[in-house]
């Protein structure tokens, strides 16, 4: 049976470099940060409307997005990204389970990107249908950073 090392550990504990390289603290042993963002309950959202859910700072690495709602979004979809790339992290997912935190992303391509070189404002874009006022909903965004 063979042993393999994840990319983040090559040059360190795998013994391929002498002296071993220092592991990237933004990815290995990093501190997890989480931001909670609640949808304004009285606000309805139409297809194309956006909700600001936080900022991911320079040097951070995106780890996850979770959504929760007290009622199904039905056919209303959510995408999560930036103004320049609204589907950068999550592309058209639905929240149909009530009172159940649901993992939305990020997609694999952005999960394995290197840490950010600039701050990013993160937006949820609602698509397909109207999301009624009165629904209780929110999003968590998680990232890791060395400080």
N, C-alpha and C. Protein backbone atom coordinates (compact mmCIF):
# COMPACT_ATOMS: atom_id res chain seq x y z
N UNK A 1 0.84 -1.16 0.00
CA UNK A 1 0.00 0.00 0.00
C UNK A 1 0.90 1.24 0.00
N UNK A 2 0.59 2.21 -0.86
CA UNK A 2 1.41 3.42 -1.01
C UNK A 2 0.90 4.55 -0.11
N UNK A 3 1.80 5.41 0.32
CA UNK A 3 1.46 6.63 1.05
C UNK A 3 1.62 7.81 0.11
N UNK A 4 0.69 8.74 0.19
CA UNK A 4 0.73 9.95 -0.63
C UNK A 4 0.53 11.16 0.27
N UNK A 5 1.04 12.30 -0.17
CA UNK A 5 0.90 13.54 0.58
C UNK A 5 0.05 14.53 -0.21
N UNK A 6 -0.88 15.20 0.48
CA UNK A 6 -1.67 16.25 -0.15
C UNK A 6 -0.74 17.36 -0.62
N UNK A 7 -1.16 18.09 -1.65
CA UNK A 7 -0.34 19.16 -2.23
C UNK A 7 0.20 20.13 -1.18
N UNK A 8 -0.60 20.43 -0.16
CA UNK A 8 -0.20 21.41 0.85
C UNK A 8 0.97 20.93 1.71
N UNK A 9 1.26 19.64 1.69
CA UNK A 9 2.31 19.07 2.54
C UNK A 9 3.57 18.65 1.77
N UNK A 10 3.55 18.79 0.45
CA UNK A 10 4.73 18.43 -0.35
C UNK A 10 5.84 19.45 -0.07
N UNK A 11 7.02 18.95 0.20
CA UNK A 11 8.15 19.80 0.54
C UNK A 11 8.31 20.00 2.04
N UNK A 12 7.33 19.55 2.80
CA UNK A 12 7.38 19.66 4.26
C UNK A 12 7.54 18.29 4.87
N UNK A 13 6.46 17.76 5.44
CA UNK A 13 6.57 16.47 6.12
C UNK A 13 6.81 15.28 5.21
N UNK A 14 6.73 15.46 3.90
CA UNK A 14 6.99 14.32 3.01
C UNK A 14 8.48 14.05 2.84
N UNK A 15 9.33 14.97 3.31
CA UNK A 15 10.77 14.76 3.27
C UNK A 15 11.44 15.00 1.93
N UNK A 16 10.76 15.66 0.99
CA UNK A 16 11.36 15.89 -0.33
C UNK A 16 12.26 17.11 -0.39
N UNK A 17 12.23 17.96 0.64
CA UNK A 17 13.11 19.13 0.68
C UNK A 17 13.87 19.13 2.00
N UNK A 18 15.15 19.54 1.90
CA UNK A 18 15.97 19.61 3.08
C UNK A 18 16.67 20.96 3.10
N UNK A 19 16.38 21.84 4.01
CA UNK A 19 15.43 21.68 5.10
C UNK A 19 13.99 21.71 4.58
N UNK A 20 13.06 21.18 5.36
CA UNK A 20 11.66 21.18 4.92
C UNK A 20 11.15 22.61 4.78
N UNK A 21 10.31 22.82 3.77
CA UNK A 21 9.74 24.16 3.62
C UNK A 21 8.71 24.41 4.70
N UNK A 22 8.49 25.68 4.98
CA UNK A 22 7.46 26.07 5.94
C UNK A 22 6.10 25.94 5.25
N UNK A 23 5.15 25.30 5.91
CA UNK A 23 3.82 25.13 5.34
C UNK A 23 3.09 26.46 5.33
N UNK A 24 2.22 26.65 4.33
CA UNK A 24 1.47 27.89 4.16
C UNK A 24 0.42 28.01 5.26
N UNK A 25 0.64 28.92 6.19
CA UNK A 25 -0.25 29.11 7.33
C UNK A 25 -1.64 29.58 6.97
N UNK A 26 -1.85 30.02 5.73
CA UNK A 26 -3.19 30.40 5.30
C UNK A 26 -4.03 29.17 4.97
N UNK A 27 -3.33 28.03 4.77
CA UNK A 27 -4.02 26.81 4.37
C UNK A 27 -3.88 25.68 5.39
N UNK A 28 -2.74 25.60 6.05
CA UNK A 28 -2.47 24.53 7.02
C UNK A 28 -2.38 25.16 8.40
N UNK A 29 -3.26 24.77 9.29
CA UNK A 29 -3.29 25.34 10.64
C UNK A 29 -3.89 26.74 10.68
N UNK A 30 -4.61 27.12 9.64
CA UNK A 30 -5.20 28.45 9.56
C UNK A 30 -6.37 28.59 10.52
N UNK A 31 -6.71 29.83 10.83
CA UNK A 31 -7.85 30.11 11.69
C UNK A 31 -9.11 30.24 10.85
N UNK A 32 -10.16 29.57 11.29
CA UNK A 32 -11.43 29.64 10.56
C UNK A 32 -12.22 30.85 11.05
N UNK A 33 -12.74 31.59 10.10
CA UNK A 33 -13.60 32.74 10.40
C UNK A 33 -14.95 32.51 9.74
N UNK A 34 -16.00 32.97 10.40
CA UNK A 34 -17.34 32.78 9.87
C UNK A 34 -18.11 34.08 10.00
N UNK A 35 -18.86 34.41 8.97
CA UNK A 35 -19.72 35.58 8.99
C UNK A 35 -21.15 35.13 8.76
N UNK A 36 -22.06 35.59 9.62
CA UNK A 36 -23.47 35.29 9.46
C UNK A 36 -24.16 36.50 8.84
N UNK A 37 -25.06 36.23 7.89
CA UNK A 37 -25.80 37.31 7.22
C UNK A 37 -27.26 36.91 7.10
N UNK A 38 -28.15 37.65 7.78
CA UNK A 38 -29.57 37.34 7.75
C UNK A 38 -30.29 38.21 6.74
N UNK A 39 -31.15 37.60 5.94
CA UNK A 39 -32.00 38.32 4.99
C UNK A 39 -32.97 39.19 5.79
N UNK A 40 -33.14 40.46 5.42
CA UNK A 40 -34.15 41.27 6.08
C UNK A 40 -35.54 40.62 5.89
N UNK A 41 -36.17 40.24 6.99
CA UNK A 41 -37.40 39.46 6.92
C UNK A 41 -38.51 40.17 6.15
N UNK A 42 -38.61 41.47 6.28
CA UNK A 42 -39.70 42.21 5.62
C UNK A 42 -39.45 42.44 4.14
N UNK A 43 -38.27 42.11 3.66
CA UNK A 43 -37.89 42.41 2.27
C UNK A 43 -38.18 41.23 1.35
N UNK A 44 -38.90 41.50 0.26
CA UNK A 44 -39.06 40.50 -0.81
C UNK A 44 -37.91 40.71 -1.80
N UNK A 45 -37.53 39.66 -2.49
CA UNK A 45 -36.47 39.74 -3.48
C UNK A 45 -37.00 39.24 -4.82
N UNK A 46 -36.72 39.98 -5.87
CA UNK A 46 -37.09 39.58 -7.23
C UNK A 46 -35.87 38.95 -7.89
N UNK A 47 -36.10 38.22 -8.97
CA UNK A 47 -34.99 37.63 -9.73
C UNK A 47 -34.02 38.74 -10.12
N UNK A 48 -32.74 38.52 -9.84
CA UNK A 48 -31.71 39.50 -10.15
C UNK A 48 -31.32 40.37 -8.97
N UNK A 49 -32.14 40.40 -7.91
CA UNK A 49 -31.78 41.17 -6.72
C UNK A 49 -30.61 40.51 -6.01
N UNK A 50 -29.86 41.34 -5.25
CA UNK A 50 -28.67 40.84 -4.57
C UNK A 50 -28.73 41.18 -3.09
N UNK A 51 -28.04 40.35 -2.29
CA UNK A 51 -27.91 40.57 -0.86
C UNK A 51 -26.43 40.49 -0.51
N UNK A 52 -25.90 41.56 0.09
CA UNK A 52 -24.51 41.57 0.53
C UNK A 52 -24.40 40.71 1.78
N UNK A 53 -23.44 39.74 1.79
CA UNK A 53 -23.30 38.86 2.95
C UNK A 53 -21.93 38.94 3.62
N UNK A 54 -21.07 39.84 3.15
CA UNK A 54 -19.80 40.02 3.83
C UNK A 54 -18.62 40.21 2.91
N UNK A 55 -17.46 40.30 3.53
CA UNK A 55 -16.21 40.52 2.80
C UNK A 55 -15.24 39.41 3.17
N UNK A 56 -14.54 38.91 2.16
CA UNK A 56 -13.46 37.96 2.38
C UNK A 56 -12.17 38.74 2.19
N UNK A 57 -11.30 38.78 3.21
CA UNK A 57 -10.12 39.63 3.14
C UNK A 57 -8.97 39.03 2.31
N UNK A 58 -8.12 39.92 1.86
CA UNK A 58 -6.89 39.50 1.17
C UNK A 58 -6.16 38.50 2.04
N UNK A 59 -5.62 37.45 1.42
CA UNK A 59 -4.88 36.43 2.14
C UNK A 59 -5.74 35.29 2.66
N UNK A 60 -7.07 35.42 2.52
CA UNK A 60 -7.98 34.38 3.01
C UNK A 60 -8.23 33.34 1.92
N UNK A 61 -8.68 32.19 2.37
CA UNK A 61 -9.02 31.08 1.48
C UNK A 61 -10.46 30.67 1.78
N UNK A 62 -11.32 30.69 0.77
CA UNK A 62 -12.74 30.39 0.94
C UNK A 62 -12.92 28.92 1.30
N UNK A 63 -13.73 28.63 2.33
CA UNK A 63 -13.96 27.26 2.77
C UNK A 63 -15.40 26.82 2.60
N UNK A 64 -16.39 27.70 2.73
CA UNK A 64 -17.75 27.21 2.60
C UNK A 64 -18.81 28.28 2.68
N UNK A 65 -19.98 27.92 2.13
CA UNK A 65 -21.18 28.74 2.22
C UNK A 65 -22.33 27.83 2.63
N UNK A 66 -23.11 28.27 3.61
CA UNK A 66 -24.25 27.51 4.09
C UNK A 66 -25.46 28.44 4.08
N UNK A 67 -26.61 27.90 3.73
CA UNK A 67 -27.85 28.66 3.77
C UNK A 67 -28.86 27.96 4.64
N UNK A 68 -29.77 28.74 5.23
CA UNK A 68 -30.85 28.17 6.03
C UNK A 68 -32.07 29.06 5.85
N UNK A 69 -33.24 28.43 5.84
CA UNK A 69 -34.50 29.15 5.69
C UNK A 69 -35.60 28.43 6.46
N UNK A 70 -36.62 29.17 6.86
CA UNK A 70 -37.73 28.54 7.56
C UNK A 70 -38.79 27.99 6.60
N UNK A 71 -38.63 28.30 5.33
CA UNK A 71 -39.57 27.83 4.32
C UNK A 71 -38.82 27.62 3.01
N UNK A 72 -39.27 26.71 2.21
CA UNK A 72 -38.60 26.42 0.95
C UNK A 72 -38.54 27.66 0.06
N UNK A 73 -37.43 27.85 -0.60
CA UNK A 73 -37.33 28.92 -1.60
C UNK A 73 -38.06 28.53 -2.88
N UNK A 74 -38.58 27.32 -2.96
CA UNK A 74 -39.26 26.86 -4.17
C UNK A 74 -38.29 26.82 -5.34
N UNK A 75 -38.63 27.53 -6.41
CA UNK A 75 -37.76 27.54 -7.59
C UNK A 75 -36.76 28.69 -7.58
N UNK A 76 -36.78 29.52 -6.53
CA UNK A 76 -35.82 30.62 -6.44
C UNK A 76 -34.43 30.04 -6.23
N UNK A 77 -33.50 30.45 -7.06
CA UNK A 77 -32.12 29.96 -6.95
C UNK A 77 -31.25 31.03 -6.30
N UNK A 78 -30.11 30.59 -5.80
CA UNK A 78 -29.11 31.52 -5.27
C UNK A 78 -27.77 31.21 -5.92
N UNK A 79 -27.08 32.27 -6.26
CA UNK A 79 -25.69 32.19 -6.70
C UNK A 79 -24.89 33.07 -5.76
N UNK A 80 -23.64 32.70 -5.52
CA UNK A 80 -22.80 33.48 -4.60
C UNK A 80 -21.49 33.80 -5.30
N UNK A 81 -21.14 35.07 -5.27
CA UNK A 81 -19.91 35.50 -5.89
C UNK A 81 -19.67 36.98 -5.67
N UNK A 82 -18.98 37.58 -6.61
CA UNK A 82 -18.63 39.00 -6.55
C UNK A 82 -19.46 39.76 -7.58
N UNK A 83 -19.34 41.06 -7.59
CA UNK A 83 -20.04 41.86 -8.60
C UNK A 83 -19.54 41.48 -9.99
N UNK A 84 -18.24 41.32 -10.14
CA UNK A 84 -17.66 40.98 -11.45
C UNK A 84 -17.97 39.55 -11.87
N UNK A 85 -18.12 38.65 -10.90
CA UNK A 85 -18.36 37.23 -11.19
C UNK A 85 -19.39 36.69 -10.20
N UNK A 86 -20.70 36.90 -10.48
CA UNK A 86 -21.74 36.55 -9.51
C UNK A 86 -21.86 35.05 -9.20
N UNK A 87 -21.29 34.19 -10.01
CA UNK A 87 -21.36 32.75 -9.76
C UNK A 87 -19.98 32.17 -9.43
N UNK A 88 -19.07 33.01 -8.97
CA UNK A 88 -17.70 32.57 -8.71
C UNK A 88 -17.64 31.39 -7.74
N UNK A 89 -18.43 31.42 -6.67
CA UNK A 89 -18.35 30.40 -5.64
C UNK A 89 -19.51 29.40 -5.67
N UNK A 90 -20.71 29.87 -5.99
CA UNK A 90 -21.90 29.02 -6.02
C UNK A 90 -22.71 29.41 -7.25
N UNK A 91 -23.12 28.43 -8.03
CA UNK A 91 -23.88 28.69 -9.26
C UNK A 91 -25.26 28.04 -9.19
N UNK A 92 -26.27 28.86 -9.03
CA UNK A 92 -27.69 28.48 -9.07
C UNK A 92 -28.05 27.24 -8.24
N UNK A 93 -27.93 27.38 -6.94
CA UNK A 93 -28.38 26.33 -6.01
C UNK A 93 -29.73 26.74 -5.44
N UNK A 94 -30.49 25.76 -4.94
CA UNK A 94 -31.78 26.06 -4.33
C UNK A 94 -31.76 25.66 -2.86
N UNK A 95 -32.57 26.36 -2.08
CA UNK A 95 -32.78 26.04 -0.67
C UNK A 95 -34.22 25.56 -0.53
N UNK A 96 -34.41 24.26 -0.47
CA UNK A 96 -35.76 23.72 -0.40
C UNK A 96 -36.06 23.05 0.93
N UNK A 97 -35.05 22.75 1.73
CA UNK A 97 -35.27 22.11 3.04
C UNK A 97 -35.51 23.18 4.10
N UNK A 98 -36.59 23.06 4.84
CA UNK A 98 -36.90 24.03 5.89
C UNK A 98 -36.12 23.71 7.17
N UNK A 99 -35.64 24.76 7.81
CA UNK A 99 -34.96 24.66 9.10
C UNK A 99 -33.81 23.67 9.11
N UNK A 100 -33.13 23.57 7.99
CA UNK A 100 -31.99 22.66 7.85
C UNK A 100 -30.83 23.39 7.20
N UNK A 101 -29.73 23.60 7.93
CA UNK A 101 -28.57 24.23 7.28
C UNK A 101 -28.16 23.40 6.06
N UNK A 102 -27.97 24.08 4.94
CA UNK A 102 -27.67 23.40 3.69
C UNK A 102 -26.37 23.93 3.12
N UNK A 103 -25.42 23.03 2.88
CA UNK A 103 -24.15 23.42 2.26
C UNK A 103 -24.42 23.81 0.81
N UNK A 104 -23.91 24.98 0.41
CA UNK A 104 -24.13 25.48 -0.95
C UNK A 104 -22.86 25.46 -1.79
N UNK A 105 -21.72 25.45 -1.19
CA UNK A 105 -20.48 25.49 -1.94
C UNK A 105 -19.35 25.86 -1.01
N UNK A 106 -18.22 26.19 -1.59
CA UNK A 106 -17.98 26.63 -2.96
C UNK A 106 -17.76 25.45 -3.90
N UNK A 107 -17.74 25.78 -5.19
CA UNK A 107 -17.42 24.75 -6.18
C UNK A 107 -15.96 24.34 -6.01
N UNK A 108 -15.62 23.18 -6.53
CA UNK A 108 -14.27 22.63 -6.32
C UNK A 108 -13.18 23.52 -6.90
N UNK A 109 -13.45 24.14 -8.06
CA UNK A 109 -12.41 24.96 -8.69
C UNK A 109 -11.99 26.12 -7.80
N UNK A 110 -12.94 26.78 -7.14
CA UNK A 110 -12.57 27.91 -6.29
C UNK A 110 -12.14 27.45 -4.90
N UNK A 111 -12.57 26.28 -4.46
CA UNK A 111 -12.13 25.76 -3.16
C UNK A 111 -10.61 25.57 -3.13
N UNK A 112 -10.04 25.16 -4.27
CA UNK A 112 -8.61 24.89 -4.32
C UNK A 112 -7.77 26.03 -4.90
N UNK A 113 -8.36 27.20 -5.11
CA UNK A 113 -7.58 28.34 -5.57
C UNK A 113 -6.68 28.83 -4.43
N UNK A 114 -5.57 29.46 -4.78
CA UNK A 114 -4.71 30.02 -3.72
C UNK A 114 -5.44 31.13 -2.97
N UNK A 115 -4.95 31.51 -1.80
CA UNK A 115 -5.58 32.60 -1.05
C UNK A 115 -5.73 33.87 -1.90
N UNK A 116 -6.74 34.65 -1.56
CA UNK A 116 -7.07 35.85 -2.34
C UNK A 116 -5.95 36.89 -2.29
N UNK A 117 -5.76 37.57 -3.40
CA UNK A 117 -4.75 38.62 -3.48
C UNK A 117 -5.34 40.01 -3.21
N UNK A 118 -6.67 40.08 -3.08
CA UNK A 118 -7.35 41.34 -2.77
C UNK A 118 -8.65 41.01 -2.04
N UNK A 119 -9.16 41.97 -1.26
CA UNK A 119 -10.45 41.78 -0.59
C UNK A 119 -11.54 41.53 -1.63
N UNK A 120 -12.54 40.75 -1.26
CA UNK A 120 -13.70 40.52 -2.12
C UNK A 120 -14.99 40.74 -1.34
N UNK A 121 -15.86 41.61 -1.87
CA UNK A 121 -17.22 41.75 -1.35
C UNK A 121 -18.03 40.59 -1.91
N UNK A 122 -18.79 39.92 -1.06
CA UNK A 122 -19.52 38.72 -1.46
C UNK A 122 -21.02 39.00 -1.47
N UNK A 123 -21.66 38.61 -2.57
CA UNK A 123 -23.08 38.86 -2.81
C UNK A 123 -23.81 37.56 -3.12
N UNK A 124 -25.03 37.44 -2.61
CA UNK A 124 -25.95 36.38 -3.03
C UNK A 124 -26.85 37.02 -4.08
N UNK A 125 -26.94 36.39 -5.25
CA UNK A 125 -27.85 36.85 -6.30
C UNK A 125 -29.01 35.87 -6.38
N UNK A 126 -30.21 36.39 -6.28
CA UNK A 126 -31.42 35.57 -6.35
C UNK A 126 -31.86 35.47 -7.81
N UNK A 127 -32.24 34.26 -8.22
CA UNK A 127 -32.63 34.07 -9.61
C UNK A 127 -33.93 33.31 -9.74
N UNK A 128 -34.43 33.29 -10.95
CA UNK A 128 -35.58 32.50 -11.38
C UNK A 128 -36.93 33.02 -10.93
N UNK A 129 -37.14 33.25 -9.64
CA UNK A 129 -38.46 33.63 -9.15
C UNK A 129 -38.33 34.58 -7.98
N UNK A 130 -39.45 35.15 -7.57
CA UNK A 130 -39.49 36.06 -6.43
C UNK A 130 -39.41 35.28 -5.12
N UNK A 131 -38.67 35.83 -4.18
CA UNK A 131 -38.62 35.29 -2.82
C UNK A 131 -39.46 36.22 -1.96
N UNK A 132 -40.50 35.69 -1.38
CA UNK A 132 -41.47 36.51 -0.66
C UNK A 132 -40.91 37.12 0.62
N UNK A 133 -41.50 38.26 0.97
CA UNK A 133 -41.23 38.86 2.27
C UNK A 133 -41.79 37.92 3.33
N UNK A 134 -41.28 38.02 4.53
CA UNK A 134 -41.77 37.18 5.62
C UNK A 134 -40.93 35.93 5.83
N UNK A 135 -40.17 35.53 4.83
CA UNK A 135 -39.34 34.34 5.02
C UNK A 135 -38.13 34.69 5.87
N UNK A 136 -37.78 33.77 6.74
CA UNK A 136 -36.58 33.91 7.56
C UNK A 136 -35.50 33.11 6.87
N UNK A 137 -34.41 33.77 6.52
CA UNK A 137 -33.34 33.09 5.80
C UNK A 137 -32.01 33.77 6.10
N UNK A 138 -30.95 33.01 5.94
CA UNK A 138 -29.64 33.58 6.16
C UNK A 138 -28.55 32.71 5.57
N UNK A 139 -27.35 33.26 5.57
CA UNK A 139 -26.20 32.60 4.96
C UNK A 139 -24.99 32.74 5.88
N UNK A 140 -24.20 31.69 5.95
CA UNK A 140 -22.90 31.73 6.60
C UNK A 140 -21.84 31.66 5.51
N UNK A 141 -20.81 32.48 5.63
CA UNK A 141 -19.66 32.30 4.77
C UNK A 141 -18.48 32.00 5.67
N UNK A 142 -17.66 31.03 5.26
CA UNK A 142 -16.50 30.62 6.04
C UNK A 142 -15.24 30.75 5.21
N UNK A 143 -14.18 31.22 5.85
CA UNK A 143 -12.89 31.29 5.20
C UNK A 143 -11.82 31.04 6.25
N UNK A 144 -10.63 30.72 5.79
CA UNK A 144 -9.50 30.58 6.70
C UNK A 144 -8.47 31.64 6.37
N UNK A 145 -7.73 32.01 7.39
CA UNK A 145 -6.69 33.03 7.24
C UNK A 145 -5.64 32.79 8.32
N UNK A 146 -4.42 33.20 8.06
CA UNK A 146 -3.35 32.88 8.99
C UNK A 146 -3.33 33.76 10.23
N UNK A 147 -3.98 34.90 10.20
CA UNK A 147 -3.96 35.78 11.39
C UNK A 147 -5.32 35.95 11.99
